[in-house]
Amino acid sequence: TSWIPLDFNLRGTQFRNIDLAECQFAGSVNFGGATFSGVATSFREATFSGPLTSFREATFSGENTWFDNARFSGELTSFREATFSGELASFREATFSGGRTWFAGASFSGRFTWFDGARFCGGRTWFDGARFCGGRTSFDGATFSVERTWFDRAVVRSGARLRLPKLV
């Protein structure tokens, strides 16, 4: 499904079992403060090419959240202060090629958090203050070929397993 070039302001909306896999968003999209619950939330292979994509302060409490193979190419992509508390949060093979990507202050407390094979190839990426408090967090095969990447003040809970990314 393609919504070109519409802008969407879905701030604070409550979603349950939403499947937006393969959707194309060419305008700005604001999911800030939205709540995603249920068994599955899927943005697999979705494309976000508008100037702003925001999931700032969004809550993902459903069992599984997938952003696998999603593409983010706008000037700003923000998951700043987002909360992922379901069983799985997956960004496998996702590409972040825009100017700024924010995961600063995000919280990952589910059993699995995967950024395996993700590509951060835009201007700057922030994970500063992010909290990885779940069972396993993996950046296996992820690449950071950006101007600058921050993991300042990121927290890994005692007992959690974190596999670090390859920095290029």
N, C-alpha and C. Protein backbone atom coordinates (compact mmCIF):
# COMPACT_ATOMS: atom_id res chain seq x y z
N THR A 1 0.84 -1.18 0.00
CA THR A 1 0.00 0.00 0.00
C THR A 1 0.88 1.23 0.00
N SER A 2 0.54 2.20 -0.80
CA SER A 2 1.34 3.41 -0.91
C SER A 2 0.45 4.63 -0.66
N TRP A 3 0.91 5.51 0.22
CA TRP A 3 0.20 6.76 0.49
C TRP A 3 1.14 7.90 0.13
N ILE A 4 1.25 8.20 -1.14
CA ILE A 4 2.19 9.20 -1.60
C ILE A 4 1.41 10.43 -1.99
N PRO A 5 1.78 11.61 -1.62
CA PRO A 5 2.78 12.01 -0.63
C PRO A 5 2.12 12.50 0.66
N LEU A 6 1.13 11.81 1.14
CA LEU A 6 0.35 12.27 2.28
C LEU A 6 1.16 12.29 3.58
N ASP A 7 0.85 13.25 4.45
CA ASP A 7 1.40 13.31 5.80
C ASP A 7 0.37 12.69 6.75
N PHE A 8 0.87 11.99 7.79
CA PHE A 8 -0.01 11.37 8.77
C PHE A 8 0.39 11.82 10.17
N ASN A 9 -0.58 12.31 10.93
CA ASN A 9 -0.35 12.63 12.33
C ASN A 9 -1.21 11.67 13.15
N LEU A 10 -0.59 10.60 13.63
CA LEU A 10 -1.27 9.56 14.40
C LEU A 10 -0.80 9.58 15.84
N ARG A 11 -0.35 10.74 16.28
CA ARG A 11 0.17 10.92 17.63
C ARG A 11 -0.87 10.49 18.66
N GLY A 12 -0.44 9.63 19.60
CA GLY A 12 -1.29 9.21 20.70
C GLY A 12 -2.33 8.16 20.33
N THR A 13 -2.34 7.69 19.11
CA THR A 13 -3.32 6.70 18.67
C THR A 13 -3.01 5.34 19.31
N GLN A 14 -4.04 4.56 19.59
CA GLN A 14 -3.87 3.21 20.13
C GLN A 14 -4.11 2.21 19.00
N PHE A 15 -3.11 1.35 18.78
CA PHE A 15 -3.19 0.33 17.74
C PHE A 15 -3.12 -1.05 18.39
N ARG A 16 -3.87 -1.99 17.87
CA ARG A 16 -3.82 -3.37 18.35
C ARG A 16 -3.67 -4.28 17.14
N ASN A 17 -2.62 -5.11 17.15
CA ASN A 17 -2.36 -6.06 16.06
C ASN A 17 -2.36 -5.39 14.69
N ILE A 18 -1.59 -4.32 14.55
CA ILE A 18 -1.55 -3.58 13.29
C ILE A 18 -0.50 -4.18 12.36
N ASP A 19 -0.86 -4.30 11.09
CA ASP A 19 0.05 -4.83 10.09
C ASP A 19 0.18 -3.80 8.98
N LEU A 20 1.31 -3.07 8.99
CA LEU A 20 1.61 -2.09 7.95
C LEU A 20 2.83 -2.53 7.14
N ALA A 21 3.00 -3.85 7.06
CA ALA A 21 4.11 -4.41 6.29
C ALA A 21 4.02 -3.94 4.84
N GLU A 22 5.17 -3.61 4.28
CA GLU A 22 5.33 -3.21 2.89
C GLU A 22 4.66 -1.88 2.54
N CYS A 23 4.14 -1.15 3.52
CA CYS A 23 3.55 0.17 3.24
C CYS A 23 4.65 1.17 2.88
N GLN A 24 4.29 2.12 2.04
CA GLN A 24 5.22 3.16 1.63
C GLN A 24 4.68 4.50 2.11
N PHE A 25 5.46 5.16 2.96
CA PHE A 25 5.09 6.47 3.48
C PHE A 25 6.06 7.49 2.89
N ALA A 26 5.57 8.34 1.98
CA ALA A 26 6.44 9.33 1.34
C ALA A 26 6.35 10.69 2.02
N GLY A 27 5.32 10.92 2.80
CA GLY A 27 5.18 12.16 3.55
C GLY A 27 5.66 11.96 4.97
N SER A 28 5.55 12.99 5.79
CA SER A 28 5.93 12.88 7.20
C SER A 28 4.91 11.99 7.92
N VAL A 29 5.40 11.19 8.87
CA VAL A 29 4.55 10.28 9.64
C VAL A 29 4.87 10.49 11.12
N ASN A 30 3.84 10.77 11.92
CA ASN A 30 4.03 10.97 13.34
C ASN A 30 3.21 9.94 14.12
N PHE A 31 3.92 8.93 14.68
CA PHE A 31 3.33 7.94 15.57
C PHE A 31 3.74 8.26 17.01
N GLY A 32 4.22 9.48 17.26
CA GLY A 32 4.70 9.85 18.58
C GLY A 32 3.65 9.62 19.65
N GLY A 33 4.04 9.00 20.76
CA GLY A 33 3.14 8.75 21.87
C GLY A 33 2.08 7.70 21.59
N ALA A 34 2.12 7.06 20.44
CA ALA A 34 1.15 6.01 20.10
C ALA A 34 1.44 4.75 20.92
N THR A 35 0.41 3.93 21.08
CA THR A 35 0.54 2.66 21.80
C THR A 35 0.25 1.52 20.83
N PHE A 36 1.17 0.56 20.78
CA PHE A 36 1.04 -0.61 19.92
C PHE A 36 0.96 -1.83 20.83
N SER A 37 -0.16 -2.57 20.77
CA SER A 37 -0.34 -3.73 21.64
C SER A 37 -0.89 -4.90 20.84
N GLY A 38 -1.09 -6.02 21.52
CA GLY A 38 -1.61 -7.22 20.88
C GLY A 38 -0.50 -8.22 20.61
N VAL A 39 -0.81 -9.19 19.81
CA VAL A 39 0.15 -10.26 19.51
C VAL A 39 1.25 -9.76 18.59
N ALA A 40 0.90 -8.94 17.57
CA ALA A 40 1.90 -8.55 16.58
C ALA A 40 1.70 -7.12 16.08
N THR A 41 2.82 -6.42 15.95
CA THR A 41 2.88 -5.12 15.28
C THR A 41 3.91 -5.27 14.18
N SER A 42 3.51 -5.04 12.94
CA SER A 42 4.45 -5.26 11.84
C SER A 42 4.58 -4.03 10.94
N PHE A 43 5.83 -3.62 10.78
CA PHE A 43 6.24 -2.62 9.80
C PHE A 43 7.29 -3.26 8.88
N ARG A 44 7.26 -4.58 8.76
CA ARG A 44 8.23 -5.30 7.92
C ARG A 44 8.22 -4.73 6.51
N GLU A 45 9.41 -4.45 6.00
CA GLU A 45 9.61 -3.97 4.63
C GLU A 45 8.86 -2.67 4.33
N ALA A 46 8.47 -1.94 5.36
CA ALA A 46 7.85 -0.63 5.14
C ALA A 46 8.92 0.37 4.72
N THR A 47 8.52 1.37 3.97
CA THR A 47 9.43 2.41 3.50
C THR A 47 8.95 3.76 4.03
N PHE A 48 9.85 4.46 4.71
CA PHE A 48 9.56 5.78 5.26
C PHE A 48 10.53 6.76 4.60
N SER A 49 10.06 7.53 3.61
CA SER A 49 10.95 8.42 2.87
C SER A 49 10.60 9.90 3.04
N GLY A 50 9.60 10.22 3.83
CA GLY A 50 9.24 11.61 4.08
C GLY A 50 10.27 12.28 4.98
N PRO A 51 10.20 13.60 5.12
CA PRO A 51 11.20 14.32 5.90
C PRO A 51 11.24 13.92 7.38
N LEU A 52 10.10 13.50 7.95
CA LEU A 52 10.05 13.15 9.37
C LEU A 52 9.31 11.83 9.56
N THR A 53 9.93 10.92 10.31
CA THR A 53 9.26 9.71 10.78
C THR A 53 9.47 9.68 12.28
N SER A 54 8.37 9.77 13.03
CA SER A 54 8.51 9.84 14.48
C SER A 54 7.70 8.76 15.19
N PHE A 55 8.42 8.01 16.03
CA PHE A 55 7.83 7.07 16.98
C PHE A 55 8.26 7.52 18.38
N ARG A 56 8.56 8.81 18.52
CA ARG A 56 9.03 9.35 19.79
C ARG A 56 8.00 9.08 20.88
N GLU A 57 8.47 8.54 22.00
CA GLU A 57 7.65 8.23 23.17
C GLU A 57 6.53 7.23 22.87
N ALA A 58 6.64 6.48 21.77
CA ALA A 58 5.66 5.43 21.47
C ALA A 58 5.91 4.25 22.41
N THR A 59 4.85 3.49 22.66
CA THR A 59 4.95 2.30 23.52
C THR A 59 4.58 1.08 22.70
N PHE A 60 5.51 0.13 22.66
CA PHE A 60 5.30 -1.13 21.96
C PHE A 60 5.24 -2.22 23.03
N SER A 61 4.01 -2.59 23.42
CA SER A 61 3.84 -3.56 24.51
C SER A 61 3.32 -4.90 24.01
N GLY A 62 3.06 -5.03 22.73
CA GLY A 62 2.60 -6.30 22.18
C GLY A 62 3.70 -7.34 22.19
N GLU A 63 3.32 -8.58 21.99
CA GLU A 63 4.29 -9.68 22.04
C GLU A 63 5.44 -9.50 21.07
N ASN A 64 5.14 -9.17 19.82
CA ASN A 64 6.17 -9.08 18.78
C ASN A 64 6.03 -7.77 18.01
N THR A 65 7.16 -7.08 17.84
CA THR A 65 7.21 -5.86 17.03
C THR A 65 8.29 -6.05 15.98
N TRP A 66 7.92 -5.92 14.72
CA TRP A 66 8.86 -6.12 13.62
C TRP A 66 9.00 -4.87 12.78
N PHE A 67 10.26 -4.46 12.59
CA PHE A 67 10.65 -3.43 11.62
C PHE A 67 11.69 -4.05 10.66
N ASP A 68 11.67 -5.37 10.52
CA ASP A 68 12.63 -6.07 9.68
C ASP A 68 12.58 -5.55 8.25
N ASN A 69 13.76 -5.27 7.69
CA ASN A 69 13.90 -4.80 6.31
C ASN A 69 13.18 -3.48 6.03
N ALA A 70 12.82 -2.75 7.06
CA ALA A 70 12.20 -1.42 6.86
C ALA A 70 13.28 -0.45 6.38
N ARG A 71 12.86 0.58 5.65
CA ARG A 71 13.79 1.57 5.12
C ARG A 71 13.37 2.95 5.61
N PHE A 72 14.31 3.65 6.26
CA PHE A 72 14.09 5.00 6.78
C PHE A 72 15.08 5.92 6.09
N SER A 73 14.61 6.82 5.22
CA SER A 73 15.54 7.66 4.46
C SER A 73 15.27 9.15 4.61
N GLY A 74 14.32 9.55 5.41
CA GLY A 74 14.02 10.97 5.60
C GLY A 74 15.07 11.67 6.44
N GLU A 75 14.95 12.96 6.56
CA GLU A 75 15.93 13.75 7.32
C GLU A 75 15.99 13.34 8.79
N LEU A 76 14.84 13.03 9.40
CA LEU A 76 14.82 12.67 10.82
C LEU A 76 13.96 11.44 11.05
N THR A 77 14.55 10.43 11.69
CA THR A 77 13.83 9.25 12.16
C THR A 77 14.01 9.20 13.65
N SER A 78 12.90 9.19 14.40
CA SER A 78 13.02 9.24 15.85
C SER A 78 12.24 8.12 16.54
N PHE A 79 12.98 7.35 17.34
CA PHE A 79 12.42 6.40 18.30
C PHE A 79 12.84 6.87 19.69
N ARG A 80 13.08 8.15 19.80
CA ARG A 80 13.56 8.73 21.06
C ARG A 80 12.55 8.47 22.18
N GLU A 81 13.05 7.92 23.29
CA GLU A 81 12.25 7.63 24.47
C GLU A 81 11.10 6.67 24.20
N ALA A 82 11.19 5.89 23.12
CA ALA A 82 10.19 4.85 22.86
C ALA A 82 10.43 3.68 23.83
N THR A 83 9.37 2.94 24.12
CA THR A 83 9.46 1.81 25.04
C THR A 83 9.05 0.53 24.31
N PHE A 84 9.95 -0.45 24.34
CA PHE A 84 9.68 -1.76 23.75
C PHE A 84 9.68 -2.77 24.90
N SER A 85 8.50 -3.26 25.30
CA SER A 85 8.42 -4.16 26.45
C SER A 85 7.86 -5.53 26.11
N GLY A 86 7.54 -5.77 24.85
CA GLY A 86 7.03 -7.08 24.45
C GLY A 86 8.14 -8.11 24.38
N GLU A 87 7.80 -9.31 24.03
CA GLU A 87 8.74 -10.42 23.93
C GLU A 87 9.88 -10.13 22.95
N LEU A 88 9.55 -9.53 21.79
CA LEU A 88 10.51 -9.32 20.71
C LEU A 88 10.37 -7.93 20.11
N ALA A 89 11.51 -7.26 19.92
CA ALA A 89 11.59 -6.03 19.12
C ALA A 89 12.66 -6.30 18.07
N SER A 90 12.28 -6.32 16.81
CA SER A 90 13.22 -6.70 15.76
C SER A 90 13.35 -5.62 14.69
N PHE A 91 14.61 -5.22 14.46
CA PHE A 91 14.97 -4.27 13.40
C PHE A 91 15.97 -4.95 12.46
N ARG A 92 15.86 -6.26 12.29
CA ARG A 92 16.80 -7.01 11.44
C ARG A 92 16.79 -6.46 10.01
N GLU A 93 18.00 -6.22 9.50
CA GLU A 93 18.21 -5.77 8.11
C GLU A 93 17.54 -4.43 7.80
N ALA A 94 17.13 -3.67 8.82
CA ALA A 94 16.55 -2.34 8.58
C ALA A 94 17.66 -1.39 8.13
N THR A 95 17.30 -0.39 7.33
CA THR A 95 18.26 0.59 6.84
C THR A 95 17.83 1.99 7.29
N PHE A 96 18.76 2.68 7.94
CA PHE A 96 18.56 4.05 8.40
C PHE A 96 19.54 4.93 7.64
N SER A 97 19.08 5.56 6.55
CA SER A 97 19.99 6.31 5.68
C SER A 97 19.72 7.81 5.68
N GLY A 98 18.85 8.28 6.55
CA GLY A 98 18.53 9.70 6.60
C GLY A 98 19.57 10.49 7.37
N GLY A 99 19.31 11.76 7.54
CA GLY A 99 20.26 12.66 8.19
C GLY A 99 20.50 12.37 9.67
N ARG A 100 19.41 12.11 10.41
CA ARG A 100 19.53 11.87 11.85
C ARG A 100 18.61 10.72 12.25
N THR A 101 19.16 9.79 13.04
CA THR A 101 18.39 8.66 13.58
C THR A 101 18.53 8.67 15.08
N TRP A 102 17.40 8.72 15.79
CA TRP A 102 17.40 8.81 17.25
C TRP A 102 16.78 7.57 17.89
N PHE A 103 17.56 6.91 18.75
CA PHE A 103 17.06 5.90 19.68
C PHE A 103 17.44 6.33 21.10
N ALA A 104 17.83 7.59 21.25
CA ALA A 104 18.25 8.12 22.55
C ALA A 104 17.12 7.95 23.57
N GLY A 105 17.46 7.44 24.73
CA GLY A 105 16.49 7.27 25.81
C GLY A 105 15.48 6.16 25.58
N ALA A 106 15.60 5.41 24.50
CA ALA A 106 14.67 4.30 24.25
C ALA A 106 14.93 3.18 25.25
N SER A 107 13.89 2.41 25.54
CA SER A 107 14.00 1.32 26.51
C SER A 107 13.58 0.01 25.85
N PHE A 108 14.47 -0.98 25.94
CA PHE A 108 14.23 -2.31 25.38
C PHE A 108 14.26 -3.31 26.53
N SER A 109 13.10 -3.79 26.97
CA SER A 109 13.06 -4.68 28.13
C SER A 109 12.49 -6.05 27.82
N GLY A 110 12.21 -6.34 26.58
CA GLY A 110 11.68 -7.64 26.20
C GLY A 110 12.76 -8.72 26.21
N ARG A 111 12.35 -9.92 25.93
CA ARG A 111 13.27 -11.05 25.95
C ARG A 111 14.33 -10.96 24.85
N PHE A 112 13.93 -10.45 23.66
CA PHE A 112 14.86 -10.34 22.53
C PHE A 112 14.75 -8.96 21.88
N THR A 113 15.91 -8.35 21.60
CA THR A 113 15.99 -7.12 20.81
C THR A 113 17.04 -7.38 19.74
N TRP A 114 16.63 -7.29 18.48
CA TRP A 114 17.53 -7.61 17.38
C TRP A 114 17.69 -6.42 16.44
N PHE A 115 18.96 -6.06 16.22
CA PHE A 115 19.35 -5.11 15.19
C PHE A 115 20.31 -5.81 14.22
N ASP A 116 20.24 -7.13 14.16
CA ASP A 116 21.15 -7.92 13.32
C ASP A 116 21.07 -7.46 11.86
N GLY A 117 22.22 -7.18 11.28
CA GLY A 117 22.28 -6.79 9.87
C GLY A 117 21.74 -5.40 9.57
N ALA A 118 21.35 -4.65 10.58
CA ALA A 118 20.85 -3.29 10.34
C ALA A 118 21.97 -2.41 9.81
N ARG A 119 21.60 -1.44 8.97
CA ARG A 119 22.57 -0.53 8.39
C ARG A 119 22.23 0.90 8.79
N PHE A 120 23.18 1.53 9.45
CA PHE A 120 23.06 2.94 9.84
C PHE A 120 24.04 3.69 8.95
N CYS A 121 23.53 4.32 7.90
CA CYS A 121 24.42 4.92 6.90
C CYS A 121 24.02 6.35 6.57
N GLY A 122 23.34 7.00 7.49
CA GLY A 122 22.96 8.40 7.31
C GLY A 122 23.97 9.31 7.97
N GLY A 123 23.52 10.48 8.38
CA GLY A 123 24.42 11.48 8.96
C GLY A 123 24.89 11.14 10.37
N ARG A 124 23.94 11.06 11.32
CA ARG A 124 24.29 10.81 12.72
C ARG A 124 23.25 9.89 13.35
N THR A 125 23.73 9.08 14.31
CA THR A 125 22.86 8.13 15.01
C THR A 125 23.08 8.24 16.50
N TRP A 126 22.00 8.30 17.26
CA TRP A 126 22.06 8.42 18.72
C TRP A 126 21.39 7.22 19.39
N PHE A 127 22.13 6.53 20.26
CA PHE A 127 21.60 5.53 21.18
C PHE A 127 21.93 5.96 22.61
N ASP A 128 22.34 7.21 22.79
CA ASP A 128 22.76 7.64 24.12
C ASP A 128 21.58 7.58 25.09
N GLY A 129 21.85 7.07 26.28
CA GLY A 129 20.82 6.93 27.29
C GLY A 129 19.84 5.80 27.04
N ALA A 130 20.04 5.03 25.97
CA ALA A 130 19.16 3.88 25.71
C ALA A 130 19.37 2.83 26.79
N ARG A 131 18.31 2.09 27.11
CA ARG A 131 18.38 1.05 28.14
C ARG A 131 18.06 -0.30 27.52
N PHE A 132 19.02 -1.22 27.63
CA PHE A 132 18.86 -2.58 27.14
C PHE A 132 18.76 -3.48 28.36
N CYS A 133 17.54 -3.76 28.79
CA CYS A 133 17.32 -4.45 30.06
C CYS A 133 16.66 -5.80 29.88
N GLY A 134 16.53 -6.27 28.67
CA GLY A 134 15.89 -7.56 28.42
C GLY A 134 16.90 -8.69 28.46
N GLY A 135 16.50 -9.81 27.94
CA GLY A 135 17.35 -11.00 27.97
C GLY A 135 18.52 -10.94 27.01
N ARG A 136 18.27 -10.63 25.73
CA ARG A 136 19.34 -10.65 24.74
C ARG A 136 19.14 -9.51 23.75
N THR A 137 20.18 -8.73 23.54
CA THR A 137 20.19 -7.67 22.54
C THR A 137 21.34 -7.97 21.59
N SER A 138 21.05 -7.98 20.29
CA SER A 138 22.08 -8.33 19.33
C SER A 138 22.15 -7.31 18.20
N PHE A 139 23.39 -6.91 17.89
CA PHE A 139 23.70 -6.07 16.75
C PHE A 139 24.58 -6.85 15.77
N ASP A 140 24.49 -8.19 15.77
CA ASP A 140 25.32 -9.01 14.88
C ASP A 140 25.19 -8.55 13.44
N GLY A 141 26.30 -8.27 12.81
CA GLY A 141 26.31 -7.88 11.41
C GLY A 141 25.81 -6.48 11.13
N ALA A 142 25.44 -5.73 12.17
CA ALA A 142 25.00 -4.34 11.96
C ALA A 142 26.21 -3.48 11.59
N THR A 143 25.99 -2.48 10.75
CA THR A 143 27.08 -1.58 10.37
C THR A 143 26.68 -0.14 10.63
N PHE A 144 27.64 0.61 11.11
CA PHE A 144 27.48 2.03 11.38
C PHE A 144 28.50 2.76 10.53
N SER A 145 28.09 3.28 9.39
CA SER A 145 28.99 4.03 8.52
C SER A 145 28.49 5.47 8.43
N VAL A 146 28.16 6.03 9.58
CA VAL A 146 27.63 7.37 9.67
C VAL A 146 28.72 8.35 10.10
N GLU A 147 28.40 9.63 10.01
CA GLU A 147 29.34 10.67 10.42
C GLU A 147 29.72 10.51 11.90
N ARG A 148 28.73 10.19 12.73
CA ARG A 148 29.00 10.02 14.16
C ARG A 148 27.88 9.19 14.78
N THR A 149 28.25 8.33 15.75
CA THR A 149 27.30 7.49 16.48
C THR A 149 27.55 7.64 17.97
N TRP A 150 26.47 7.83 18.72
CA TRP A 150 26.59 7.97 20.17
C TRP A 150 25.92 6.80 20.88
N PHE A 151 26.63 6.21 21.85
CA PHE A 151 26.08 5.23 22.78
C PHE A 151 26.37 5.73 24.20
N ASP A 152 26.60 7.03 24.37
CA ASP A 152 26.91 7.61 25.68
C ASP A 152 25.77 7.31 26.67
N ARG A 153 26.13 6.95 27.87
CA ARG A 153 25.19 6.69 28.96
C ARG A 153 24.18 5.60 28.65
N ALA A 154 24.44 4.77 27.64
CA ALA A 154 23.56 3.62 27.39
C ALA A 154 23.73 2.65 28.55
N VAL A 155 22.65 1.97 28.93
CA VAL A 155 22.66 1.07 30.08
C VAL A 155 22.33 -0.34 29.63
N VAL A 156 23.15 -1.29 30.09
CA VAL A 156 22.87 -2.70 29.87
C VAL A 156 22.69 -3.33 31.24
N ARG A 157 21.50 -3.84 31.50
CA ARG A 157 21.19 -4.44 32.80
C ARG A 157 22.08 -5.64 33.05
N SER A 158 22.46 -5.78 34.31
CA SER A 158 23.26 -6.93 34.73
C SER A 158 22.51 -8.21 34.35
N GLY A 159 23.20 -9.11 33.70
CA GLY A 159 22.60 -10.36 33.27
C GLY A 159 22.09 -10.33 31.84
N ALA A 160 21.89 -9.15 31.29
CA ALA A 160 21.46 -9.04 29.89
C ALA A 160 22.68 -9.29 29.00
N ARG A 161 22.46 -9.89 27.87
CA ARG A 161 23.55 -10.15 26.91
C ARG A 161 23.46 -9.16 25.77
N LEU A 162 24.58 -8.47 25.50
CA LEU A 162 24.62 -7.48 24.43
C LEU A 162 25.75 -7.84 23.48
N ARG A 163 25.41 -8.01 22.22
CA ARG A 163 26.43 -8.21 21.19
C ARG A 163 26.57 -6.90 20.45
N LEU A 164 27.77 -6.36 20.45
CA LEU A 164 28.02 -5.01 19.92
C LEU A 164 28.11 -4.98 18.40
N PRO A 165 27.84 -3.80 17.83
CA PRO A 165 27.89 -3.65 16.37
C PRO A 165 29.32 -3.49 15.87
N LYS A 166 29.44 -3.66 14.56
CA LYS A 166 30.70 -3.39 13.89
C LYS A 166 30.65 -1.93 13.45
N LEU A 167 31.63 -1.15 13.88
CA LEU A 167 31.68 0.27 13.49
C LEU A 167 32.61 0.43 12.31
N VAL A 168 32.14 1.15 11.28
CA VAL A 168 32.92 1.32 10.05
C VAL A 168 33.36 2.77 9.98
